[in-house]
Amino acid sequence: MNLPSQRRTERVLHLISFGYLHLDDGRPPHADRVEDVRERLRDPAAARDVLDLDGRDPRVQDIVARTPGARELLANLIDYAELPCGPRRIAIGCAGGRHRSGSLVELLAATLRARGHQVEVEHQHIHLPRVLRP
């Protein structure tokens, strides 16, 4: 007999952060769901004190989490990830892949792990330099 908590640990959720400006072909990573937050959430890189940090830093995560619409998006992604036959891969993209998408993936991963899910995180562009726009 499979109990819900046993099923949870059998399925691994793969969460991916990426930056659209770093994609060679303009196509996001393959995923069951792709969230583009470029226009949806304000860019925290405008805050000078976190400019050189990335989404793995709690200060950046706090700024992103307090951005209007972020908590609703996270709640929706958590609900989606916990569907009985839910996704295997969720990708979140922002402009450079350092702040918004990285933070959201880290926050989502922490919540899902706390609920008993196995989660793998892949930050595709978080290590790259900031993208400077002309």
Protein backbone atom coordinates (compact mmCIF):
# COMPACT_ATOMS: atom_id res chain seq x y z
CA MET A 1 0.00 0.00 0.00
CA ASN A 2 1.38 3.39 -1.01
CA LEU A 3 0.65 6.16 1.42
CA PRO A 4 0.73 9.76 0.13
CA SER A 5 3.89 10.50 2.12
CA GLN A 6 5.60 7.44 0.59
CA ARG A 7 4.68 8.51 -2.93
CA ARG A 8 6.05 11.98 -2.29
CA THR A 9 9.54 10.72 -1.61
CA GLU A 10 9.57 8.49 -4.71
CA ARG A 11 9.16 11.35 -7.20
CA VAL A 12 11.99 13.82 -7.58
CA LEU A 13 11.06 17.37 -8.53
CA HIS A 14 13.66 19.13 -10.66
CA LEU A 15 13.60 22.92 -10.29
CA ILE A 16 15.54 25.04 -12.78
CA SER A 17 16.40 28.73 -12.72
CA PHE A 18 17.67 30.41 -15.87
CA GLY A 19 18.13 33.76 -17.58
CA TYR A 20 16.47 34.47 -20.91
CA LEU A 21 19.30 36.81 -21.92
CA HIS A 22 21.78 33.91 -21.68
CA LEU A 23 19.84 31.50 -23.93
CA ASP A 24 21.55 30.95 -27.28
CA ASP A 25 18.38 29.96 -29.11
CA GLY A 26 15.89 31.89 -26.97
CA ARG A 27 14.17 28.69 -25.85
CA PRO A 28 13.78 28.01 -22.12
CA PRO A 29 14.87 24.67 -20.66
CA HIS A 30 12.55 21.72 -21.20
CA ALA A 31 10.06 21.56 -18.32
CA ASP A 32 6.49 20.61 -17.55
CA ARG A 33 5.90 24.23 -16.60
CA VAL A 34 7.94 27.32 -17.44
CA GLU A 35 7.36 30.59 -15.58
CA ASP A 36 8.64 33.80 -17.15
CA VAL A 37 8.88 36.37 -14.36
CA ARG A 38 10.62 39.15 -16.32
CA GLU A 39 7.50 41.29 -16.52
CA ARG A 40 5.68 39.74 -13.59
CA LEU A 41 8.09 40.63 -10.76
CA ARG A 42 10.19 43.72 -10.16
CA ASP A 43 13.95 43.20 -10.60
CA PRO A 44 15.69 43.34 -7.19
CA ALA A 45 19.02 44.08 -8.89
CA ALA A 46 17.96 47.73 -8.77
CA ALA A 47 18.63 47.62 -5.02
CA ARG A 48 22.33 48.49 -4.87
CA ASP A 49 23.00 46.50 -1.68
CA VAL A 50 22.13 43.19 -3.40
CA LEU A 51 23.41 43.99 -6.88
CA ASP A 52 26.33 41.56 -6.73
CA LEU A 53 24.49 38.87 -4.77
CA ASP A 54 22.31 36.15 -6.25
CA GLY A 55 19.14 34.24 -5.43
CA ARG A 56 20.89 31.84 -3.08
CA ASP A 57 21.43 34.71 -0.63
CA PRO A 58 18.66 35.13 1.99
CA ARG A 59 18.70 38.92 1.54
CA VAL A 60 17.85 38.58 -2.14
CA GLN A 61 15.24 35.91 -1.39
CA ASP A 62 13.59 38.24 1.13
CA ILE A 63 13.40 41.09 -1.38
CA VAL A 64 11.98 38.80 -4.07
CA ALA A 65 9.47 37.22 -1.66
CA ARG A 66 8.20 40.69 -0.69
CA THR A 67 7.73 41.73 -4.33
CA PRO A 68 4.01 42.10 -5.17
CA GLY A 69 2.78 38.88 -6.75
CA ALA A 70 5.69 36.68 -5.61
CA ARG A 71 3.94 34.94 -2.74
CA GLU A 72 0.90 34.19 -4.90
CA LEU A 73 3.14 32.75 -7.61
CA LEU A 74 4.99 30.58 -5.08
CA ALA A 75 1.71 29.31 -3.62
CA ASN A 76 0.49 28.44 -7.12
CA LEU A 77 3.75 26.63 -7.94
CA ILE A 78 3.58 24.68 -4.67
CA ASP A 79 0.01 23.59 -5.44
CA TYR A 80 1.07 22.60 -8.95
CA ALA A 81 4.11 20.66 -7.74
CA GLU A 82 1.97 18.71 -5.27
CA LEU A 83 -0.60 17.48 -7.79
CA PRO A 84 -0.89 13.67 -7.56
CA CYS A 85 0.46 13.19 -11.07
CA GLY A 86 2.30 16.47 -10.93
CA PRO A 87 5.32 17.71 -12.78
CA ARG A 88 8.84 16.40 -12.79
CA ARG A 89 10.41 19.67 -13.94
CA ILE A 90 9.57 23.31 -13.25
CA ALA A 91 11.67 26.08 -14.79
CA ILE A 92 11.61 29.73 -13.74
CA GLY A 93 13.27 32.38 -15.87
CA CYS A 94 14.07 36.04 -15.44
CA ALA A 95 16.32 38.34 -17.49
CA GLY A 96 19.74 37.29 -16.21
CA GLY A 97 18.93 34.24 -14.09
CA ARG A 98 20.62 35.60 -10.97
CA HIS A 99 18.04 37.25 -8.72
CA ARG A 100 14.33 36.59 -9.32
CA SER A 101 14.46 33.10 -10.83
CA GLY A 102 17.24 31.95 -8.49
CA SER A 103 15.38 33.18 -5.42
CA LEU A 104 12.06 31.69 -6.46
CA VAL A 105 13.64 28.30 -7.14
CA GLU A 106 15.40 28.35 -3.75
CA LEU A 107 12.23 29.39 -1.91
CA LEU A 108 10.14 26.80 -3.75
CA ALA A 109 12.72 24.07 -3.08
CA ALA A 110 12.87 24.87 0.64
CA THR A 111 9.08 24.73 0.99
CA LEU A 112 8.73 21.49 -0.96
CA ARG A 113 11.56 19.82 0.97
CA ALA A 114 9.91 20.86 4.24
CA ARG A 115 6.77 19.10 3.01
CA GLY A 116 8.67 15.86 2.38
CA HIS A 117 9.44 16.10 -1.32
CA GLN A 118 12.74 15.20 -2.91
CA VAL A 119 13.96 18.22 -4.85
CA GLU A 120 16.92 18.80 -7.13
CA VAL A 121 17.89 22.38 -7.96
CA GLU A 122 19.71 23.48 -11.10
CA HIS A 123 20.76 27.10 -11.49
CA GLN A 124 21.79 27.41 -15.12
CA HIS A 125 23.00 31.01 -15.16
CA ILE A 126 23.23 32.16 -11.53
CA HIS A 127 27.03 32.03 -11.66
CA LEU A 128 27.31 34.30 -14.69
CA PRO A 129 28.01 38.05 -14.45
CA ARG A 130 25.10 40.45 -14.31
CA VAL A 131 23.62 41.29 -17.66
CA LEU A 132 24.04 44.98 -18.35
CA ARG A 133 21.38 46.42 -20.60
CA PRO A 134 22.24 49.21 -23.06
